């Protein structure tokens, strides 16, 4: 009995072997996908640099509070200095002017120096205990320089002339007529100090300028090695 011709079935591959037609079900496959695997890009996580002297949370907060209070006290003392200088120069009577200059000579230098050194020490601790560092960022470096310069000026420029200002005030209160040249330069210390401290306050709040050049070069080298 002879079998009639068979109609090929779509999607089925048929093979002839020794006069017999064999079929194997092989479903049609679609075109192969090339490059179907998706790759994920690596993201570089910027981690904060390790602190040199890590402090506990409570300790760091305490140091920060002392730093802020000492900076505020420093500014307040400078304001008092400015008031005493203005009262001594523009006072209505000689007695008031003399008392202002005597108070300026006796009660200003030590509190101002204490506040300045406290602000400096706590600032150093915060720099070494946090990601900001001491010379890692420009604004921190400028604040540090301002603090050191102002503390130095207290010792080398302000304190040496306080004795003469006290004597001038005593002579003025006693009804004398001392030389005004002794106190003619007394306007500059509060003006310079208040300007510098105001700048330091703005820098602490705004944190401008980014990293120093040395740190930028180090950061670029680290990224290239990765």
Foldseek 3Di string as FASTA:
>chain_A
DDDDDDDDDPQWDWDADPNDIDIDRDGDDDDDDPPPDDDDDDDDDDDQDAFQDADDPVVLVVLVVQLVVLLVQLLVLLVLLLVLLCCLVVPPALQRNLVSLLCNLPPRLVSNLVSLVSNLVSLQVNQRRGSNHQQFAPLNVLLNVLSVVLSVCSVPPVNVLSVVSNVVSVCSNVVHDDDCVSSPPSNPSSVVNNVSSVSNVVCVVPVDDGTDPVNVVVVVVVVVVD
